[in-house]
């Protein structure tokens, strides 16, 4: 708040097709959870919190689940960069092959 950073934190699980991630249990009025829940509901369809699903996070989930990639084989940032590039290239090629 002091740095004027607009934070969004899930107050519960968000099911597909729902408008906001809200807790199952109602929280006390005025609590941090209640205020965040109100903020998430008010932000609506184009909220930054909701858009996170459309941007990058699904790709990491697909790489972890479908490709079975859980950890790097090499150590050090200089060795990891080409390994990550190879994983991303393979992921994109598979997506292109399925689209054709």
PDB file of N, CA and C in Angstrom:
ATOM      1  N   UNK A   1       0.837  -1.190   0.000  1.00  0.00           N
ATOM      2  CA  UNK A   1       0.000   0.000   0.000  1.00  0.00           C
ATOM      3  C   UNK A   1       0.880   1.252   0.000  1.00  0.00           C
ATOM      4  N   UNK A   2       1.947   1.211   0.811  1.00  0.00           N
ATOM      5  CA  UNK A   2       2.859   2.338   0.913  1.00  0.00           C
ATOM      6  C   UNK A   2       3.536   2.626  -0.428  1.00  0.00           C
ATOM      7  N   UNK A   3       3.829   1.584  -1.211  1.00  0.00           N
ATOM      8  CA  UNK A   3       4.505   1.747  -2.504  1.00  0.00           C
ATOM      9  C   UNK A   3       3.528   1.952  -3.662  1.00  0.00           C
ATOM     10  N   UNK A   4       2.252   1.997  -3.350  1.00  0.00           N
ATOM     11  CA  UNK A   4       1.191   2.182  -4.346  1.00  0.00           C
ATOM     12  C   UNK A   4       1.170   1.059  -5.381  1.00  0.00           C
ATOM     13  N   UNK A   5       1.379  -0.163  -4.904  1.00  0.00           N
ATOM     14  CA  UNK A   5       1.304  -1.346  -5.767  1.00  0.00           C
ATOM     15  C   UNK A   5      -0.089  -1.931  -5.613  1.00  0.00           C
ATOM     16  N   UNK A   6      -0.758  -2.109  -6.722  1.00  0.00           N
ATOM     17  CA  UNK A   6      -2.122  -2.645  -6.727  1.00  0.00           C
ATOM     18  C   UNK A   6      -2.046  -4.174  -6.731  1.00  0.00           C
ATOM     19  N   UNK A   7      -2.234  -4.788  -5.571  1.00  0.00           N
ATOM     20  CA  UNK A   7      -2.115  -6.237  -5.452  1.00  0.00           C
ATOM     21  C   UNK A   7      -3.457  -6.942  -5.593  1.00  0.00           C
ATOM     22  N   UNK A   8      -3.406  -8.154  -6.133  1.00  0.00           N
ATOM     23  CA  UNK A   8      -4.581  -9.014  -6.253  1.00  0.00           C
ATOM     24  C   UNK A   8      -4.214 -10.372  -5.692  1.00  0.00           C
ATOM     25  N   UNK A   9      -4.979 -10.842  -4.714  1.00  0.00           N
ATOM     26  CA  UNK A   9      -4.701 -12.120  -4.073  1.00  0.00           C
ATOM     27  C   UNK A   9      -5.996 -12.925  -4.050  1.00  0.00           C
ATOM     28  N   UNK A  10      -5.889 -14.196  -4.406  1.00  0.00           N
ATOM     29  CA  UNK A  10      -7.073 -15.055  -4.415  1.00  0.00           C
ATOM     30  C   UNK A  10      -7.598 -15.238  -3.004  1.00  0.00           C
ATOM     31  N   UNK A  11      -8.893 -15.146  -2.850  1.00  0.00           N
ATOM     32  CA  UNK A  11      -9.519 -15.389  -1.551  1.00  0.00           C
ATOM     33  C   UNK A  11     -10.138 -16.780  -1.522  1.00  0.00           C
ATOM     34  N   UNK A  12     -10.003 -17.491  -2.604  1.00  0.00           N
ATOM     35  CA  UNK A  12     -10.541 -18.841  -2.714  1.00  0.00           C
ATOM     36  C   UNK A  12     -10.194 -19.402  -4.077  1.00  0.00           C
ATOM     37  N   UNK A  13     -10.864 -20.453  -4.458  1.00  0.00           N
ATOM     38  CA  UNK A  13     -10.629 -21.078  -5.759  1.00  0.00           C
ATOM     39  C   UNK A  13     -11.570 -20.473  -6.781  1.00  0.00           C
ATOM     40  N   UNK A  14     -11.096 -20.297  -8.012  1.00  0.00           N
ATOM     41  CA  UNK A  14     -11.937 -19.770  -9.074  1.00  0.00           C
ATOM     42  C   UNK A  14     -12.251 -20.892 -10.051  1.00  0.00           C
ATOM     43  N   UNK A  15     -13.503 -21.215 -10.163  1.00  0.00           N
ATOM     44  CA  UNK A  15     -13.942 -22.237 -11.112  1.00  0.00           C
ATOM     45  C   UNK A  15     -14.023 -21.612 -12.495  1.00  0.00           C
ATOM     46  N   UNK A  16     -13.881 -22.439 -13.525  1.00  0.00           N
ATOM     47  CA  UNK A  16     -13.983 -21.936 -14.892  1.00  0.00           C
ATOM     48  C   UNK A  16     -15.380 -21.369 -15.129  1.00  0.00           C
ATOM     49  N   UNK A  17     -15.419 -20.202 -15.742  1.00  0.00           N
ATOM     50  CA  UNK A  17     -16.693 -19.579 -16.068  1.00  0.00           C
ATOM     51  C   UNK A  17     -17.239 -18.661 -14.989  1.00  0.00           C
ATOM     52  N   UNK A  18     -16.622 -18.645 -13.810  1.00  0.00           N
ATOM     53  CA  UNK A  18     -17.098 -17.742 -12.773  1.00  0.00           C
ATOM     54  C   UNK A  18     -16.413 -16.390 -12.913  1.00  0.00           C
ATOM     55  N   UNK A  19     -17.015 -15.382 -12.330  1.00  0.00           N
ATOM     56  CA  UNK A  19     -16.521 -14.020 -12.497  1.00  0.00           C
ATOM     57  C   UNK A  19     -15.352 -13.680 -11.599  1.00  0.00           C
ATOM     58  N   UNK A  20     -15.254 -14.296 -10.416  1.00  0.00           N
ATOM     59  CA  UNK A  20     -14.170 -13.935  -9.510  1.00  0.00           C
ATOM     60  C   UNK A  20     -13.798 -15.110  -8.623  1.00  0.00           C
ATOM     61  N   UNK A  21     -12.582 -15.029  -8.090  1.00  0.00           N
ATOM     62  CA  UNK A  21     -12.125 -16.048  -7.143  1.00  0.00           C
ATOM     63  C   UNK A  21     -12.539 -15.602  -5.751  1.00  0.00           C
ATOM     64  N   UNK A  22     -13.526 -16.250  -5.213  1.00  0.00           N
ATOM     65  CA  UNK A  22     -14.021 -15.860  -3.899  1.00  0.00           C
ATOM     66  C   UNK A  22     -14.013 -17.056  -2.967  1.00  0.00           C
ATOM     67  N   UNK A  23     -13.926 -16.781  -1.687  1.00  0.00           N
ATOM     68  CA  UNK A  23     -13.889 -17.829  -0.678  1.00  0.00           C
ATOM     69  C   UNK A  23     -15.262 -18.468  -0.534  1.00  0.00           C
ATOM     70  N   UNK A  24     -15.260 -19.742  -0.122  1.00  0.00           N
ATOM     71  CA  UNK A  24     -16.530 -20.443   0.101  1.00  0.00           C
ATOM     72  C   UNK A  24     -17.228 -19.911   1.346  1.00  0.00           C
ATOM     73  N   UNK A  25     -16.431 -19.662   2.388  1.00  0.00           N
ATOM     74  CA  UNK A  25     -17.001 -19.152   3.636  1.00  0.00           C
ATOM     75  C   UNK A  25     -17.048 -17.631   3.586  1.00  0.00           C
ATOM     76  N   UNK A  26     -18.144 -17.048   4.033  1.00  0.00           N
ATOM     77  CA  UNK A  26     -18.163 -15.578   4.101  1.00  0.00           C
ATOM     78  C   UNK A  26     -17.199 -15.100   5.183  1.00  0.00           C
ATOM     79  N   UNK A  27     -16.494 -14.014   4.903  1.00  0.00           N
ATOM     80  CA  UNK A  27     -15.527 -13.497   5.871  1.00  0.00           C
ATOM     81  C   UNK A  27     -16.142 -12.320   6.629  1.00  0.00           C
ATOM     82  N   UNK A  28     -15.482 -11.953   7.726  1.00  0.00           N
ATOM     83  CA  UNK A  28     -15.970 -10.843   8.537  1.00  0.00           C
ATOM     84  C   UNK A  28     -15.934  -9.559   7.722  1.00  0.00           C
ATOM     85  N   UNK A  29     -16.957  -8.751   7.860  1.00  0.00           N
ATOM     86  CA  UNK A  29     -17.015  -7.474   7.149  1.00  0.00           C
ATOM     87  C   UNK A  29     -15.845  -6.599   7.574  1.00  0.00           C
ATOM     88  N   UNK A  30     -15.171  -6.000   6.614  1.00  0.00           N
ATOM     89  CA  UNK A  30     -14.052  -5.117   6.902  1.00  0.00           C
ATOM     90  C   UNK A  30     -12.706  -5.821   7.003  1.00  0.00           C
ATOM     91  N   UNK A  31     -12.696  -7.155   6.985  1.00  0.00           N
ATOM     92  CA  UNK A  31     -11.424  -7.870   7.067  1.00  0.00           C
ATOM     93  C   UNK A  31     -10.686  -7.755   5.729  1.00  0.00           C
ATOM     94  N   UNK A  32      -9.406  -8.096   5.734  1.00  0.00           N
ATOM     95  CA  UNK A  32      -8.614  -8.035   4.504  1.00  0.00           C
ATOM     96  C   UNK A  32      -9.191  -8.939   3.423  1.00  0.00           C
ATOM     97  N   UNK A  33      -9.657 -10.123   3.824  1.00  0.00           N
ATOM     98  CA  UNK A  33     -10.234 -11.070   2.860  1.00  0.00           C
ATOM     99  C   UNK A  33     -11.518 -10.508   2.266  1.00  0.00           C
ATOM    100  N   UNK A  34     -12.357  -9.902   3.101  1.00  0.00           N
ATOM    101  CA  UNK A  34     -13.608  -9.318   2.604  1.00  0.00           C
ATOM    102  C   UNK A  34     -13.336  -8.174   1.636  1.00  0.00           C
ATOM    103  N   UNK A  35     -12.346  -7.341   1.958  1.00  0.00           N
ATOM    104  CA  UNK A  35     -12.016  -6.225   1.061  1.00  0.00           C
ATOM    105  C   UNK A  35     -11.443  -6.719  -0.259  1.00  0.00           C
ATOM    106  N   UNK A  36     -10.576  -7.756  -0.214  1.00  0.00           N
ATOM    107  CA  UNK A  36     -10.017  -8.296  -1.454  1.00  0.00           C
ATOM    108  C   UNK A  36     -11.111  -8.963  -2.279  1.00  0.00           C
ATOM    109  N   UNK A  37     -12.023  -9.647  -1.637  1.00  0.00           N
ATOM    110  CA  UNK A  37     -13.128 -10.290  -2.335  1.00  0.00           C
ATOM    111  C   UNK A  37     -13.985  -9.254  -3.056  1.00  0.00           C
ATOM    112  N   UNK A  38     -14.261  -8.147  -2.386  1.00  0.00           N
ATOM    113  CA  UNK A  38     -15.022  -7.051  -3.001  1.00  0.00           C
ATOM    114  C   UNK A  38     -14.254  -6.461  -4.182  1.00  0.00           C
ATOM    115  N   UNK A  39     -12.963  -6.285  -4.001  1.00  0.00           N
ATOM    116  CA  UNK A  39     -12.125  -5.731  -5.064  1.00  0.00           C
ATOM    117  C   UNK A  39     -12.123  -6.642  -6.295  1.00  0.00           C
ATOM    118  N   UNK A  40     -12.037  -7.953  -6.077  1.00  0.00           N
ATOM    119  CA  UNK A  40     -12.033  -8.894  -7.200  1.00  0.00           C
ATOM    120  C   UNK A  40     -13.375  -8.905  -7.922  1.00  0.00           C
ATOM    121  N   UNK A  41     -14.456  -8.825  -7.173  1.00  0.00           N
ATOM    122  CA  UNK A  41     -15.783  -8.806  -7.791  1.00  0.00           C
ATOM    123  C   UNK A  41     -16.006  -7.510  -8.571  1.00  0.00           C
ATOM    124  N   UNK A  42     -15.542  -6.404  -8.027  1.00  0.00           N
ATOM    125  CA  UNK A  42     -15.744  -5.099  -8.646  1.00  0.00           C
ATOM    126  C   UNK A  42     -14.927  -4.943  -9.927  1.00  0.00           C
ATOM    127  N   UNK A  43     -13.770  -5.596  -9.999  1.00  0.00           N
ATOM    128  CA  UNK A  43     -12.880  -5.440 -11.151  1.00  0.00           C
ATOM    129  C   UNK A  43     -13.529  -5.946 -12.442  1.00  0.00           C
ATOM    130  N   UNK A  44     -14.393  -6.927 -12.331  1.00  0.00           N
ATOM    131  CA  UNK A  44     -15.146  -7.369 -13.484  1.00  0.00           C
ATOM    132  C   UNK A  44     -14.387  -8.230 -14.474  1.00  0.00           C
ATOM    133  N   UNK A  45     -14.874  -8.249 -15.692  1.00  0.00           N
ATOM    134  CA  UNK A  45     -14.397  -9.168 -16.717  1.00  0.00           C
ATOM    135  C   UNK A  45     -12.952  -8.910 -17.123  1.00  0.00           C
ATOM    136  N   UNK A  46     -12.528  -7.651 -17.183  1.00  0.00           N
ATOM    137  CA  UNK A  46     -11.198  -7.325 -17.685  1.00  0.00           C
ATOM    138  C   UNK A  46     -10.177  -7.096 -16.570  1.00  0.00           C
ATOM    139  N   UNK A  47     -10.415  -7.623 -15.385  1.00  0.00           N
ATOM    140  CA  UNK A  47      -9.485  -7.377 -14.283  1.00  0.00           C
ATOM    141  C   UNK A  47      -8.135  -8.020 -14.566  1.00  0.00           C
ATOM    142  N   UNK A  48      -7.103  -7.438 -14.021  1.00  0.00           N
ATOM    143  CA  UNK A  48      -5.752  -7.970 -14.202  1.00  0.00           C
ATOM    144  C   UNK A  48      -5.635  -9.363 -13.589  1.00  0.00           C
ATOM    145  N   UNK A  49      -6.331  -9.585 -12.496  1.00  0.00           N
ATOM    146  CA  UNK A  49      -6.278 -10.889 -11.842  1.00  0.00           C
ATOM    147  C   UNK A  49      -6.855 -11.962 -12.765  1.00  0.00           C
ATOM    148  N   UNK A  50      -7.933 -11.650 -13.425  1.00  0.00           N
ATOM    149  CA  UNK A  50      -8.568 -12.617 -14.313  1.00  0.00           C
ATOM    150  C   UNK A  50      -7.735 -12.853 -15.571  1.00  0.00           C
ATOM    151  N   UNK A  51      -7.104 -11.799 -16.068  1.00  0.00           N
ATOM    152  CA  UNK A  51      -6.320 -11.910 -17.296  1.00  0.00           C
ATOM    153  C   UNK A  51      -5.079 -12.770 -17.128  1.00  0.00           C
ATOM    154  N   UNK A  52      -4.651 -13.035 -15.892  1.00  0.00           N
ATOM    155  CA  UNK A  52      -3.455 -13.843 -15.692  1.00  0.00           C
ATOM    156  C   UNK A  52      -3.614 -15.233 -16.290  1.00  0.00           C
ATOM    157  N   UNK A  53      -4.827 -15.741 -16.366  1.00  0.00           N
ATOM    158  CA  UNK A  53      -5.070 -17.065 -16.942  1.00  0.00           C
ATOM    159  C   UNK A  53      -4.865 -17.077 -18.448  1.00  0.00           C
ATOM    160  N   UNK A  54      -5.036 -15.942 -19.089  1.00  0.00           N
ATOM    161  CA  UNK A  54      -4.941 -15.874 -20.539  1.00  0.00           C
ATOM    162  C   UNK A  54      -3.520 -15.646 -21.013  1.00  0.00           C
ATOM    163  N   UNK A  55      -2.642 -15.231 -20.146  1.00  0.00           N
ATOM    164  CA  UNK A  55      -1.340 -14.774 -20.594  1.00  0.00           C
ATOM    165  C   UNK A  55      -0.314 -15.906 -20.562  1.00  0.00           C
ATOM    166  N   UNK A  56       0.246 -16.220 -19.418  1.00  0.00           N
ATOM    167  CA  UNK A  56       1.381 -17.128 -19.359  1.00  0.00           C
ATOM    168  C   UNK A  56       1.130 -18.378 -18.535  1.00  0.00           C
ATOM    169  N   UNK A  57       0.389 -18.263 -17.472  1.00  0.00           N
ATOM    170  CA  UNK A  57       0.274 -19.373 -16.542  1.00  0.00           C
ATOM    171  C   UNK A  57      -0.171 -20.690 -17.170  1.00  0.00           C
ATOM    172  N   UNK A  58      -1.115 -20.720 -18.112  1.00  0.00           N
ATOM    173  CA  UNK A  58      -1.485 -22.001 -18.711  1.00  0.00           C
ATOM    174  C   UNK A  58      -0.324 -22.676 -19.436  1.00  0.00           C
ATOM    175  N   UNK A  59       0.576 -21.897 -20.024  1.00  0.00           N
ATOM    176  CA  UNK A  59       1.712 -22.476 -20.739  1.00  0.00           C
ATOM    177  C   UNK A  59       2.613 -23.234 -19.772  1.00  0.00           C
ATOM    178  N   UNK A  60       2.889 -22.646 -18.615  1.00  0.00           N
ATOM    179  CA  UNK A  60       3.718 -23.341 -17.629  1.00  0.00           C
ATOM    180  C   UNK A  60       3.038 -24.619 -17.159  1.00  0.00           C
ATOM    181  N   UNK A  61       1.731 -24.570 -16.977  1.00  0.00           N
ATOM    182  CA  UNK A  61       0.990 -25.762 -16.582  1.00  0.00           C
ATOM    183  C   UNK A  61       1.037 -26.838 -17.645  1.00  0.00           C
ATOM    184  N   UNK A  62       0.915 -26.450 -18.916  1.00  0.00           N
ATOM    185  CA  UNK A  62       0.976 -27.417 -20.011  1.00  0.00           C
ATOM    186  C   UNK A  62       2.364 -28.028 -20.113  1.00  0.00           C
ATOM    187  N   UNK A  63       3.383 -27.218 -19.950  1.00  0.00           N
ATOM    188  CA  UNK A  63       4.751 -27.744 -20.028  1.00  0.00           C
ATOM    189  C   UNK A  63       5.006 -28.713 -18.875  1.00  0.00           C
ATOM    190  N   UNK A  64       4.518 -28.390 -17.699  1.00  0.00           N
ATOM    191  CA  UNK A  64       4.735 -29.267 -16.550  1.00  0.00           C
ATOM    192  C   UNK A  64       3.925 -30.558 -16.672  1.00  0.00           C
ATOM    193  N   UNK A  65       2.664 -30.446 -17.052  1.00  0.00           N
ATOM    194  CA  UNK A  65       1.784 -31.611 -17.061  1.00  0.00           C
ATOM    195  C   UNK A  65       1.949 -32.442 -18.332  1.00  0.00           C
ATOM    196  N   UNK A  66       1.754 -31.835 -19.494  1.00  0.00           N
ATOM    197  CA  UNK A  66       1.760 -32.591 -20.747  1.00  0.00           C
ATOM    198  C   UNK A  66       3.158 -33.018 -21.164  1.00  0.00           C
ATOM    199  N   UNK A  67       4.145 -32.169 -20.932  1.00  0.00           N
ATOM    200  CA  UNK A  67       5.521 -32.500 -21.346  1.00  0.00           C
ATOM    201  C   UNK A  67       6.279 -33.233 -20.249  1.00  0.00           C
ATOM    202  N   UNK A  68       5.734 -33.221 -19.030  1.00  0.00           N
ATOM    203  CA  UNK A  68       6.384 -33.913 -17.926  1.00  0.00           C
ATOM    204  C   UNK A  68       7.649 -33.230 -17.438  1.00  0.00           C
ATOM    205  N   UNK A  69       7.773 -31.946 -17.696  1.00  0.00           N
ATOM    206  CA  UNK A  69       8.974 -31.217 -17.296  1.00  0.00           C
ATOM    207  C   UNK A  69       8.795 -30.685 -15.890  1.00  0.00           C
ATOM    208  N   UNK A  70       9.577 -31.186 -14.958  1.00  0.00           N
ATOM    209  CA  UNK A  70       9.478 -30.766 -13.560  1.00  0.00           C
ATOM    210  C   UNK A  70      10.753 -30.122 -13.034  1.00  0.00           C
ATOM    211  N   UNK A  71      11.889 -30.433 -13.638  1.00  0.00           N
ATOM    212  CA  UNK A  71      13.130 -29.824 -13.175  1.00  0.00           C
ATOM    213  C   UNK A  71      14.151 -29.808 -14.296  1.00  0.00           C
ATOM    214  N   UNK A  72      15.090 -28.894 -14.199  1.00  0.00           N
ATOM    215  CA  UNK A  72      16.145 -28.787 -15.200  1.00  0.00           C
ATOM    216  C   UNK A  72      17.177 -29.878 -14.971  1.00  0.00           C
ATOM    217  N   UNK A  73      17.796 -30.339 -16.051  1.00  0.00           N
ATOM    218  CA  UNK A  73      18.815 -31.366 -15.955  1.00  0.00           C
ATOM    219  C   UNK A  73      20.189 -30.773 -15.655  1.00  0.00           C
ATOM    220  N   UNK A  74      20.394 -29.533 -16.056  1.00  0.00           N
ATOM    221  CA  UNK A  74      21.684 -28.876 -15.883  1.00  0.00           C
ATOM    222  C   UNK A  74      21.617 -27.860 -14.753  1.00  0.00           C
ATOM    223  N   UNK A  75      22.784 -27.387 -14.324  1.00  0.00           N
ATOM    224  CA  UNK A  75      22.849 -26.397 -13.252  1.00  0.00           C
ATOM    225  C   UNK A  75      23.511 -25.131 -13.755  1.00  0.00           C
ATOM    226  N   UNK A  76      23.075 -24.001 -13.223  1.00  0.00           N
ATOM    227  CA  UNK A  76      23.641 -22.717 -13.598  1.00  0.00           C
ATOM    228  C   UNK A  76      22.797 -22.037 -14.653  1.00  0.00           C
ATOM    229  N   UNK A  77      22.677 -20.729 -14.533  1.00  0.00           N
ATOM    230  CA  UNK A  77      21.800 -19.963 -15.436  1.00  0.00           C
ATOM    231  C   UNK A  77      22.254 -20.051 -16.889  1.00  0.00           C
ATOM    232  N   UNK A  78      23.566 -20.106 -17.129  1.00  0.00           N
ATOM    233  CA  UNK A  78      24.063 -20.185 -18.503  1.00  0.00           C
ATOM    234  C   UNK A  78      23.712 -21.509 -19.175  1.00  0.00           C
ATOM    235  N   UNK A  79      23.585 -22.569 -18.409  1.00  0.00           N
ATOM    236  CA  UNK A  79      23.217 -23.881 -18.959  1.00  0.00           C
ATOM    237  C   UNK A  79      21.702 -24.060 -19.009  1.00  0.00           C
ATOM    238  N   UNK A  80      20.996 -23.405 -18.098  1.00  0.00           N
ATOM    239  CA  UNK A  80      19.543 -23.542 -18.035  1.00  0.00           C
ATOM    240  C   UNK A  80      18.860 -22.787 -19.171  1.00  0.00           C
ATOM    241  N   UNK A  81      19.394 -21.639 -19.554  1.00  0.00           N
ATOM    242  CA  UNK A  81      18.779 -20.832 -20.626  1.00  0.00           C
ATOM    243  C   UNK A  81      18.586 -21.623 -21.914  1.00  0.00           C
ATOM    244  N   UNK A  82      19.611 -22.310 -22.454  1.00  0.00           N
ATOM    245  CA  UNK A  82      19.378 -23.084 -23.677  1.00  0.00           C
ATOM    246  C   UNK A  82      18.451 -24.281 -23.458  1.00  0.00           C
ATOM    247  N   UNK A  83      18.495 -24.872 -22.258  1.00  0.00           N
ATOM    248  CA  UNK A  83      17.594 -25.987 -21.969  1.00  0.00           C
ATOM    249  C   UNK A  83      16.139 -25.506 -21.988  1.00  0.00           C
ATOM    250  N   UNK A  84      15.885 -24.335 -21.385  1.00  0.00           N
ATOM    251  CA  UNK A  84      14.531 -23.771 -21.378  1.00  0.00           C
ATOM    252  C   UNK A  84      14.096 -23.404 -22.792  1.00  0.00           C
ATOM    253  N   UNK A  85      15.025 -22.850 -23.595  1.00  0.00           N
ATOM    254  CA  UNK A  85      14.705 -22.504 -24.981  1.00  0.00           C
ATOM    255  C   UNK A  85      14.312 -23.746 -25.771  1.00  0.00           C
ATOM    256  N   UNK A  86      14.994 -24.853 -25.527  1.00  0.00           N
ATOM    257  CA  UNK A  86      14.669 -26.110 -26.205  1.00  0.00           C
ATOM    258  C   UNK A  86      13.287 -26.621 -25.800  1.00  0.00           C
ATOM    259  N   UNK A  87      12.961 -26.523 -24.525  1.00  0.00           N
ATOM    260  CA  UNK A  87      11.647 -26.960 -24.033  1.00  0.00           C
ATOM    261  C   UNK A  87      10.546 -26.099 -24.639  1.00  0.00           C
ATOM    262  N   UNK A  88      10.754 -24.788 -24.688  1.00  0.00           N
ATOM    263  CA  UNK A  88       9.760 -23.879 -25.269  1.00  0.00           C
ATOM    264  C   UNK A  88       9.594 -24.121 -26.762  1.00  0.00           C
ATOM    265  N   UNK A  89      10.692 -24.379 -27.450  1.00  0.00           N
ATOM    266  CA  UNK A  89      10.624 -24.669 -28.889  1.00  0.00           C
ATOM    267  C   UNK A  89       9.825 -25.937 -29.133  1.00  0.00           C
ATOM    268  N   UNK A  90      10.093 -26.979 -28.365  1.00  0.00           N
ATOM    269  CA  UNK A  90       9.346 -28.229 -28.506  1.00  0.00           C
ATOM    270  C   UNK A  90       7.862 -28.009 -28.233  1.00  0.00           C
ATOM    271  N   UNK A  91       7.553 -27.234 -27.212  1.00  0.00           N
ATOM    272  CA  UNK A  91       6.148 -26.944 -26.871  1.00  0.00           C
ATOM    273  C   UNK A  91       5.452 -26.222 -28.032  1.00  0.00           C
ATOM    274  N   UNK A  92       6.121 -25.216 -28.593  1.00  0.00           N
ATOM    275  CA  UNK A  92       5.532 -24.457 -29.699  1.00  0.00           C
ATOM    276  C   UNK A  92       5.391 -25.284 -30.955  1.00  0.00           C
ATOM    277  N   UNK A  93       6.356 -26.170 -31.233  1.00  0.00           N
ATOM    278  CA  UNK A  93       6.254 -27.044 -32.410  1.00  0.00           C
ATOM    279  C   UNK A  93       5.081 -28.007 -32.290  1.00  0.00           C
ATOM    280  N   UNK A  94       4.876 -28.541 -31.103  1.00  0.00           N
ATOM    281  CA  UNK A  94       3.735 -29.455 -30.891  1.00  0.00           C
ATOM    282  C   UNK A  94       2.418 -28.696 -31.108  1.00  0.00           C
ATOM    283  N   UNK A  95       2.328 -27.463 -30.609  1.00  0.00           N
ATOM    284  CA  UNK A  95       1.123 -26.667 -30.804  1.00  0.00           C
ATOM    285  C   UNK A  95       0.885 -26.374 -32.287  1.00  0.00           C
ATOM    286  N   UNK A  96       1.962 -26.068 -33.018  1.00  0.00           N
ATOM    287  CA  UNK A  96       1.834 -25.799 -34.457  1.00  0.00           C
ATOM    288  C   UNK A  96       1.422 -27.067 -35.216  1.00  0.00           C
ATOM    289  N   UNK A  97       1.973 -28.204 -34.833  1.00  0.00           N
ATOM    290  CA  UNK A  97       1.648 -29.466 -35.501  1.00  0.00           C
ATOM    291  C   UNK A  97       0.175 -29.833 -35.294  1.00  0.00           C
ATOM    292  N   UNK A  98      -0.336 -29.573 -34.120  1.00  0.00           N
ATOM    293  CA  UNK A  98      -1.753 -29.882 -33.841  1.00  0.00           C
ATOM    294  C   UNK A  98      -2.689 -28.942 -34.594  1.00  0.00           C
ATOM    295  N   UNK A  99      -2.252 -27.709 -34.819  1.00  0.00           N
ATOM    296  CA  UNK A  99      -3.099 -26.740 -35.507  1.00  0.00           C
ATOM    297  C   UNK A  99      -3.160 -27.017 -37.013  1.00  0.00           C
ATOM    298  N   UNK A 100      -2.152 -27.667 -37.542  1.00  0.00           N
ATOM    299  CA  UNK A 100      -2.112 -27.917 -38.992  1.00  0.00           C
ATOM    300  C   UNK A 100      -2.963 -29.070 -39.416  1.00  0.00           C
TER     301      UNK A 100
END
